[in-house]
């Protein structure tokens, strides 16, 4: 957060104004009273001297009345001036009190929001309309690897590649034109050390009190670990997919009802059917009732015991009507919560082996008959 220069407290300024106004009002009363007394004495002495030189009781009394009202005039004027001034001072004092209360509330809110921004792990930023950073929290400092002083005034083009900078320009332009917030899921940023990280960003338009756009604000979340995990998972899936697509044995996954959910090309070749003809179908649909019961018993045993099984073979019917013999392995599929959600396994075509076994059996049988003769 950018440091602020120390400023004189506005409360102190307002208090000084109030004290100064009250002091000036009180000081104004003294000279007015003094002036009134001086005028009174001077006029009294003037008329008293005239009376001594020209004694005239009636005229002297009339002059005394004139002197009294003439000296009373500045006092009356001073009273109304001070009363008006005191009224203004009281009004100003009330306004100062209300201002202090509002300022106290605003300071409390500002401290609250500042604490929230500095306690969250996500980065918060504010930039002007040119994309230059004007404010950020500590989390953004940690994410970027730059110090706060280095970040202040830095343009977003300085910490990303040209292609991403062009994309972000389009994003901010859309926010400016529509006034609607935008979320970016793959904001690629270069940290101070040169390493590349991925951020998830949401940004919105900032406006001043008159409603004019003045910049953008937003939140940034570091999703580098998640992106790396997704990439590793995709690579792993591709690796095993390549393995499955290159083996001669059929690989399958079925749900708890025995309906196919995933399989490789080798399984399509074994059954002599396309992917669309097999997807979602039950394996029992491609055999006779006797062999369907055998396969059901195998899957039921795995479901009951939770253990992998193999060595049981059954007969299947291909699309062209020919029969093939397969030897499956069956294992339970367990989800992250420990619940069984289906079965998976390898299905091997053993037709040639069965045919060879049958030939050997017949050959041995013929030798046995010849030996007994």
Protein backbone atom coordinates (compact mmCIF):
# COMPACT_ATOMS: atom_id res chain seq x y z
CA UNK A 1 0.00 0.00 0.00
CA UNK A 2 1.41 3.35 -1.00
CA UNK A 3 2.54 5.54 1.92
CA UNK A 4 0.70 8.78 2.58
CA UNK A 5 2.38 12.09 3.53
CA UNK A 6 1.51 13.29 7.05
CA UNK A 7 -1.18 15.95 6.99
CA UNK A 8 -2.52 18.29 9.65
CA UNK A 9 -5.55 16.84 11.40
CA UNK A 10 -8.75 18.34 10.02
CA UNK A 11 -10.34 18.13 13.50
CA UNK A 12 -7.60 20.35 14.89
CA UNK A 13 -8.16 22.88 12.09
CA UNK A 14 -11.90 23.03 12.73
CA UNK A 15 -11.35 23.41 16.50
CA UNK A 16 -8.93 26.27 15.90
CA UNK A 17 -11.48 28.01 13.69
CA UNK A 18 -14.16 27.61 16.34
CA UNK A 19 -11.95 28.93 19.16
CA UNK A 20 -10.73 31.80 17.01
CA UNK A 21 -14.29 32.86 16.10
CA UNK A 22 -15.46 32.72 19.69
CA UNK A 23 -12.41 34.67 20.86
CA UNK A 24 -12.91 37.35 18.24
CA UNK A 25 -16.56 37.68 19.24
CA UNK A 26 -15.67 38.11 22.90
CA UNK A 27 -12.86 40.56 22.11
CA UNK A 28 -15.21 42.66 19.96
CA UNK A 29 -17.47 43.34 22.95
CA UNK A 30 -14.76 45.10 24.99
CA UNK A 31 -13.85 47.88 22.54
CA UNK A 32 -17.51 48.57 21.78
CA UNK A 33 -18.27 49.05 25.48
CA UNK A 34 -15.16 51.23 25.92
CA UNK A 35 -16.17 53.37 22.91
CA UNK A 36 -19.68 53.74 24.33
CA UNK A 37 -18.30 54.87 27.72
CA UNK A 38 -15.87 57.31 26.10
CA UNK A 39 -18.65 58.81 23.97
CA UNK A 40 -20.87 59.05 27.03
CA UNK A 41 -18.19 60.78 29.15
CA UNK A 42 -17.11 63.16 26.39
CA UNK A 43 -20.64 64.23 25.64
CA UNK A 44 -21.40 64.54 29.37
CA UNK A 45 -18.31 66.73 29.98
CA UNK A 46 -19.10 68.84 26.93
CA UNK A 47 -22.64 69.56 28.04
CA UNK A 48 -21.63 69.97 31.69
CA UNK A 49 -19.12 72.66 30.69
CA UNK A 50 -21.79 74.40 28.64
CA UNK A 51 -24.11 74.26 31.62
CA UNK A 52 -21.53 75.95 33.85
CA UNK A 53 -21.03 78.74 31.35
CA UNK A 54 -24.74 79.03 30.42
CA UNK A 55 -26.85 77.65 33.21
CA UNK A 56 -30.01 76.31 31.75
CA UNK A 57 -31.54 73.41 33.64
CA UNK A 58 -34.05 72.41 31.00
CA UNK A 59 -31.51 72.34 28.14
CA UNK A 60 -29.02 70.38 30.26
CA UNK A 61 -31.55 67.68 31.00
CA UNK A 62 -32.54 67.40 27.37
CA UNK A 63 -28.90 67.01 26.44
CA UNK A 64 -28.52 64.26 29.04
CA UNK A 65 -31.33 62.29 27.36
CA UNK A 66 -29.63 62.75 23.99
CA UNK A 67 -26.30 61.65 25.48
CA UNK A 68 -27.89 58.52 27.00
CA UNK A 69 -29.54 57.32 23.78
CA UNK A 70 -26.49 58.20 21.68
CA UNK A 71 -24.22 56.12 23.94
CA UNK A 72 -26.75 53.28 24.07
CA UNK A 73 -26.80 52.87 20.24
CA UNK A 74 -23.35 51.21 19.83
CA UNK A 75 -24.13 48.86 22.73
CA UNK A 76 -27.36 47.73 21.03
CA UNK A 77 -25.56 47.30 17.70
CA UNK A 78 -22.78 45.32 19.42
CA UNK A 79 -25.36 43.06 21.09
CA UNK A 80 -27.07 42.08 17.84
CA UNK A 81 -23.72 41.58 16.08
CA UNK A 82 -22.50 39.28 18.84
CA UNK A 83 -25.81 37.40 18.94
CA UNK A 84 -25.64 36.77 15.18
CA UNK A 85 -22.03 35.72 15.43
CA UNK A 86 -22.70 33.33 18.34
CA UNK A 87 -25.52 31.76 16.32
CA UNK A 88 -23.16 31.16 13.41
CA UNK A 89 -20.55 29.72 15.77
CA UNK A 90 -23.09 27.33 17.29
CA UNK A 91 -24.17 26.19 13.82
CA UNK A 92 -20.56 25.74 12.78
CA UNK A 93 -19.85 23.74 15.94
CA UNK A 94 -22.80 21.43 15.20
CA UNK A 95 -21.60 20.90 11.64
CA UNK A 96 -18.08 20.19 12.92
CA UNK A 97 -19.48 17.57 15.31
CA UNK A 98 -21.42 15.87 12.53
CA UNK A 99 -18.35 15.96 10.30
CA UNK A 100 -16.24 14.37 13.03
CA UNK A 101 -18.79 11.60 13.50
CA UNK A 102 -18.98 10.85 9.77
CA UNK A 103 -15.21 10.91 9.47
CA UNK A 104 -14.93 8.48 12.38
CA UNK A 105 -17.34 6.07 10.69
CA UNK A 106 -15.48 6.35 7.38
CA UNK A 107 -12.13 5.71 9.10
CA UNK A 108 -13.59 2.61 10.75
CA UNK A 109 -14.83 1.27 7.43
CA UNK A 110 -11.52 2.04 5.73
CA UNK A 111 -9.59 0.17 8.43
CA UNK A 112 -11.98 -2.79 8.19
CA UNK A 113 -11.66 -3.10 4.40
CA UNK A 114 -7.89 -2.61 4.59
CA UNK A 115 -7.59 -5.46 7.11
CA UNK A 116 -9.69 -7.71 4.87
CA UNK A 117 -7.58 -6.96 1.78
CA UNK A 118 -4.33 -7.62 3.64
CA UNK A 119 -5.56 -10.87 5.20
CA UNK A 120 -6.80 -12.64 2.05
CA UNK A 121 -4.46 -14.91 0.09
CA UNK A 122 -5.70 -13.68 -3.29
CA UNK A 123 -4.05 -10.65 -4.87
CA UNK A 124 -6.06 -7.42 -5.17
CA UNK A 125 -5.14 -4.71 -7.69
CA UNK A 126 -6.25 -1.35 -9.04
CA UNK A 127 -4.95 0.06 -12.33
CA UNK A 128 -5.67 3.23 -14.28
CA UNK A 129 -7.19 3.23 -17.76
CA UNK A 130 -3.72 2.74 -19.28
CA UNK A 131 -3.12 -0.40 -17.25
CA UNK A 132 -0.62 1.12 -14.80
CA UNK A 133 -0.83 -0.27 -11.27
CA UNK A 134 -2.02 2.28 -8.69
CA UNK A 135 -2.77 0.05 -5.69
CA UNK A 136 -2.24 -3.56 -4.56
CA UNK A 137 -2.27 -5.69 -1.41
CA UNK A 138 0.55 -7.75 0.12
CA UNK A 139 -0.70 -10.97 -1.51
CA UNK A 140 -0.06 -9.53 -4.99
CA UNK A 141 3.46 -8.59 -3.93
CA UNK A 142 4.11 -12.21 -2.94
CA UNK A 143 2.50 -13.60 -6.11
CA UNK A 144 4.48 -11.36 -8.46
CA UNK A 145 7.83 -11.52 -6.69
CA UNK A 146 8.25 -7.74 -7.08
CA UNK A 147 8.40 -5.27 -4.19
CA UNK A 148 5.56 -2.82 -3.71
CA UNK A 149 7.71 0.08 -4.92
CA UNK A 150 8.61 -1.86 -8.08
CA UNK A 151 4.96 -2.68 -8.78
CA UNK A 152 3.62 0.84 -8.38
CA UNK A 153 3.16 2.36 -11.83
CA UNK A 154 4.14 -0.86 -13.61
CA UNK A 155 2.09 -1.66 -16.73
CA UNK A 156 0.64 -5.14 -17.21
CA UNK A 157 2.58 -5.50 -20.47
CA UNK A 158 5.82 -5.51 -18.45
CA UNK A 159 5.17 -8.86 -16.72
CA UNK A 160 3.68 -11.00 -19.49
CA UNK A 161 4.48 -12.08 -23.04
CA UNK A 162 3.26 -10.09 -26.09
CA UNK A 163 0.56 -12.62 -26.98
CA UNK A 164 -0.91 -12.59 -23.48
CA UNK A 165 -0.60 -8.78 -23.32
CA UNK A 166 -2.73 -8.55 -26.47
CA UNK A 167 -5.31 -10.89 -24.98
CA UNK A 168 -5.49 -8.87 -21.73
CA UNK A 169 -5.88 -5.63 -23.73
CA UNK A 170 -8.95 -7.17 -25.36
CA UNK A 171 -10.29 -8.24 -21.96
CA UNK A 172 -9.95 -4.78 -20.41
CA UNK A 173 -11.39 -3.17 -23.54
CA UNK A 174 -14.47 -5.39 -23.23
CA UNK A 175 -14.88 -4.43 -19.56
CA UNK A 176 -14.55 -0.73 -20.47
CA UNK A 177 -17.06 -0.93 -23.32
CA UNK A 178 -19.70 -3.06 -21.56
CA UNK A 179 -19.16 -2.04 -17.95
CA UNK A 180 -19.58 -5.70 -16.98
CA UNK A 181 -17.07 -7.78 -14.95
CA UNK A 182 -15.01 -10.40 -16.81
CA UNK A 183 -13.30 -13.56 -15.53
CA UNK A 184 -10.09 -14.94 -17.09
CA UNK A 185 -9.07 -18.51 -16.26
CA UNK A 186 -5.57 -18.69 -17.80
CA UNK A 187 -3.76 -15.39 -17.23
CA UNK A 188 -0.08 -16.22 -17.83
CA UNK A 189 2.31 -13.96 -15.87
CA UNK A 190 6.12 -13.80 -15.63
CA UNK A 191 7.39 -13.36 -12.05
CA UNK A 192 10.42 -11.22 -11.22
CA UNK A 193 12.72 -14.26 -11.24
CA UNK A 194 11.61 -15.19 -14.76
CA UNK A 195 9.36 -18.11 -13.83
CA UNK A 196 5.95 -18.36 -15.44
CA UNK A 197 2.82 -18.70 -13.31
CA UNK A 198 -0.86 -19.01 -14.15
CA UNK A 199 -3.48 -16.79 -12.55
CA UNK A 200 -7.25 -16.76 -12.41
CA UNK A 201 -8.43 -13.15 -12.70
CA UNK A 202 -11.74 -11.37 -12.25
CA UNK A 203 -11.85 -7.65 -13.06
CA UNK A 204 -14.40 -4.84 -13.14
CA UNK A 205 -14.58 -1.15 -14.07
CA UNK A 206 -13.87 1.62 -11.52
CA UNK A 207 -15.82 4.88 -11.73
CA UNK A 208 -15.50 8.24 -9.95
CA UNK A 209 -18.31 10.02 -8.09
CA UNK A 210 -19.61 11.46 -11.36
CA UNK A 211 -19.80 7.99 -12.94
CA UNK A 212 -16.84 8.45 -15.28
CA UNK A 213 -14.51 5.44 -15.78
CA UNK A 214 -11.16 5.95 -14.04
CA UNK A 215 -9.60 2.47 -14.13
CA UNK A 216 -10.04 -1.20 -13.28
CA UNK A 217 -9.96 -3.28 -10.11
CA UNK A 218 -9.81 -7.02 -9.65
CA UNK A 219 -8.71 -10.15 -7.82
CA UNK A 220 -5.95 -12.56 -8.85
CA UNK A 221 -5.59 -16.17 -7.68
CA UNK A 222 -2.47 -18.26 -8.28
CA UNK A 223 -3.59 -21.52 -9.95
CA UNK A 224 -0.15 -22.66 -11.10
CA UNK A 225 -0.20 -25.85 -9.01
CA UNK A 226 -3.66 -26.72 -10.26
CA UNK A 227 -2.63 -26.15 -13.88
CA UNK A 228 0.45 -28.30 -13.42
CA UNK A 229 -1.64 -31.06 -11.83
CA UNK A 230 -4.14 -30.89 -14.71
CA UNK A 231 -1.31 -31.07 -17.23
CA UNK A 232 0.25 -34.06 -15.43
CA UNK A 233 -3.12 -35.81 -15.35
CA UNK A 234 -3.70 -35.18 -19.05
CA UNK A 235 -0.26 -36.51 -19.87
CA UNK A 236 -0.86 -39.56 -17.71
CA UNK A 237 -4.25 -40.19 -19.31
CA UNK A 238 -2.73 -39.85 -22.76
CA UNK A 239 0.08 -42.23 -21.82
CA UNK A 240 -2.28 -44.96 -20.61
CA UNK A 241 -4.65 -44.33 -23.49
CA UNK A 242 -1.77 -44.94 -25.89
CA UNK A 243 -0.94 -48.15 -24.04
CA UNK A 244 -4.54 -49.34 -24.15
CA UNK A 245 -4.88 -48.52 -27.83
CA UNK A 246 -1.76 -50.46 -28.70
CA UNK A 247 -2.39 -53.70 -26.82
CA UNK A 248 -4.14 -56.62 -28.55
CA UNK A 249 -6.30 -57.49 -25.56
CA UNK A 250 -9.61 -55.72 -25.03
CA UNK A 251 -9.89 -53.27 -22.11
CA UNK A 252 -13.29 -52.38 -20.71
CA UNK A 253 -15.02 -50.48 -17.92
CA UNK A 254 -18.68 -51.11 -17.03
CA UNK A 255 -21.05 -49.65 -14.45
CA UNK A 256 -22.67 -51.66 -11.65
CA UNK A 257 -25.28 -52.97 -14.11
CA UNK A 258 -22.66 -54.24 -16.56
CA UNK A 259 -23.19 -51.52 -19.18
CA UNK A 260 -20.07 -50.48 -21.11
CA UNK A 261 -18.75 -47.00 -20.19
CA UNK A 262 -15.26 -47.13 -21.67
CA UNK A 263 -13.26 -49.56 -23.84
CA UNK A 264 -10.43 -49.65 -26.36
CA UNK A 265 -10.34 -50.44 -30.06
CA UNK A 266 -9.19 -54.01 -29.41
CA UNK A 267 -12.52 -54.76 -27.70
CA UNK A 268 -14.37 -53.52 -30.80
CA UNK A 269 -12.31 -55.91 -32.95
CA UNK A 270 -13.00 -58.85 -30.63
CA UNK A 271 -16.77 -58.28 -30.73
CA UNK A 272 -16.73 -57.26 -34.40
CA UNK A 273 -18.73 -54.10 -33.64
CA UNK A 274 -18.14 -50.33 -33.81
CA UNK A 275 -17.72 -48.05 -30.80
CA UNK A 276 -21.24 -46.66 -31.15
CA UNK A 277 -22.70 -50.18 -31.28
CA UNK A 278 -20.98 -51.16 -28.01
CA UNK A 279 -21.17 -47.96 -25.91
CA UNK A 280 -23.76 -48.28 -23.16
CA UNK A 281 -24.60 -51.89 -24.06
CA UNK A 282 -24.49 -54.78 -21.60
CA UNK A 283 -21.94 -57.52 -22.28
CA UNK A 284 -24.64 -60.18 -21.71
CA UNK A 285 -26.37 -58.96 -24.89
CA UNK A 286 -23.60 -60.52 -26.98
CA UNK A 287 -23.80 -64.10 -25.75
CA UNK A 288 -26.35 -66.85 -25.15
CA UNK A 289 -28.28 -67.40 -21.93
CA UNK A 290 -25.91 -70.05 -20.60
CA UNK A 291 -22.81 -67.88 -21.02
CA UNK A 292 -24.70 -64.80 -19.81
CA UNK A 293 -25.25 -66.63 -16.50
CA UNK A 294 -21.54 -67.47 -16.31
CA UNK A 295 -20.53 -63.82 -16.79
CA UNK A 296 -23.15 -62.68 -14.26
CA UNK A 297 -21.77 -65.07 -11.64
CA UNK A 298 -18.23 -63.79 -12.23
CA UNK A 299 -19.18 -60.12 -11.78
CA UNK A 300 -21.38 -60.94 -8.78
CA UNK A 301 -18.48 -62.72 -7.07
CA UNK A 302 -16.21 -59.70 -7.54
CA UNK A 303 -18.95 -57.40 -6.26
CA UNK A 304 -19.45 -59.56 -3.17
CA UNK A 305 -15.81 -60.20 -2.29
CA UNK A 306 -14.25 -57.02 -3.66
CA UNK A 307 -11.41 -59.14 -5.06
CA UNK A 308 -10.10 -59.43 -8.60
CA UNK A 309 -10.82 -62.66 -10.48
CA UNK A 310 -9.78 -64.28 -13.76
CA UNK A 311 -9.53 -67.66 -15.48
CA UNK A 312 -13.20 -68.13 -16.26
CA UNK A 313 -13.97 -68.06 -19.99
CA UNK A 314 -17.21 -67.81 -21.93
CA UNK A 315 -18.48 -67.71 -25.46
CA UNK A 316 -19.52 -64.53 -27.28
CA UNK A 317 -21.37 -63.87 -30.55
CA UNK A 318 -19.89 -61.45 -33.04
CA UNK A 319 -21.95 -59.20 -35.29
CA UNK A 320 -21.38 -61.53 -38.27
CA UNK A 321 -22.74 -64.47 -36.28
CA UNK A 322 -19.42 -66.22 -35.64
CA UNK A 323 -18.56 -67.45 -32.15
CA UNK A 324 -15.45 -66.47 -30.20
CA UNK A 325 -14.13 -67.52 -26.82
CA UNK A 326 -12.88 -64.91 -24.39
CA UNK A 327 -11.12 -65.02 -21.03
CA UNK A 328 -11.82 -61.92 -18.94
CA UNK A 329 -10.23 -60.50 -15.80
CA UNK A 330 -12.61 -58.52 -13.55
CA UNK A 331 -11.68 -55.95 -10.87
CA UNK A 332 -13.86 -53.52 -8.89
CA UNK A 333 -13.71 -49.76 -9.62
CA UNK A 334 -13.60 -47.78 -6.35
CA UNK A 335 -14.22 -44.00 -6.24
CA UNK A 336 -12.51 -41.45 -3.97
CA UNK A 337 -15.06 -42.05 -1.19
CA UNK A 338 -14.38 -45.79 -1.15
CA UNK A 339 -17.62 -46.78 -2.88
CA UNK A 340 -17.64 -49.32 -5.70
CA UNK A 341 -18.99 -47.74 -8.88
CA UNK A 342 -18.34 -50.43 -11.47
CA UNK A 343 -15.92 -52.99 -12.89
CA UNK A 344 -12.89 -52.95 -15.16
CA UNK A 345 -10.73 -55.58 -16.72
CA UNK A 346 -8.93 -57.17 -19.65
CA UNK A 347 -10.75 -59.41 -22.10
CA UNK A 348 -8.54 -61.75 -24.13
CA UNK A 349 -9.63 -63.61 -27.25
CA UNK A 350 -8.67 -67.27 -26.66
CA UNK A 351 -10.55 -68.73 -29.63
CA UNK A 352 -7.41 -70.07 -31.33
CA UNK A 353 -6.20 -71.56 -28.06
CA UNK A 354 -9.57 -73.20 -27.46
CA UNK A 355 -9.56 -74.57 -30.97
CA UNK A 356 -6.01 -75.89 -30.51
CA UNK A 357 -6.99 -77.46 -27.19
CA UNK A 358 -9.95 -79.11 -28.88
CA UNK A 359 -7.72 -80.49 -31.65
CA UNK A 360 -5.25 -81.85 -29.08
CA UNK A 361 -8.09 -83.38 -27.10
CA UNK A 362 -9.44 -85.09 -30.21
CA UNK A 363 -5.96 -86.21 -31.24
CA UNK A 364 -5.29 -87.69 -27.81
CA UNK A 365 -8.66 -89.36 -27.91
CA UNK A 366 -7.84 -90.95 -31.26
CA UNK A 367 -4.47 -92.12 -29.95
CA UNK A 368 -6.17 -93.63 -26.96
CA UNK A 369 -8.58 -95.56 -29.10
CA UNK A 370 -5.73 -96.83 -31.31
CA UNK A 371 -3.70 -97.87 -28.24
CA UNK A 372 -6.55 -99.88 -26.79
CA UNK A 373 -7.02 -101.94 -29.97
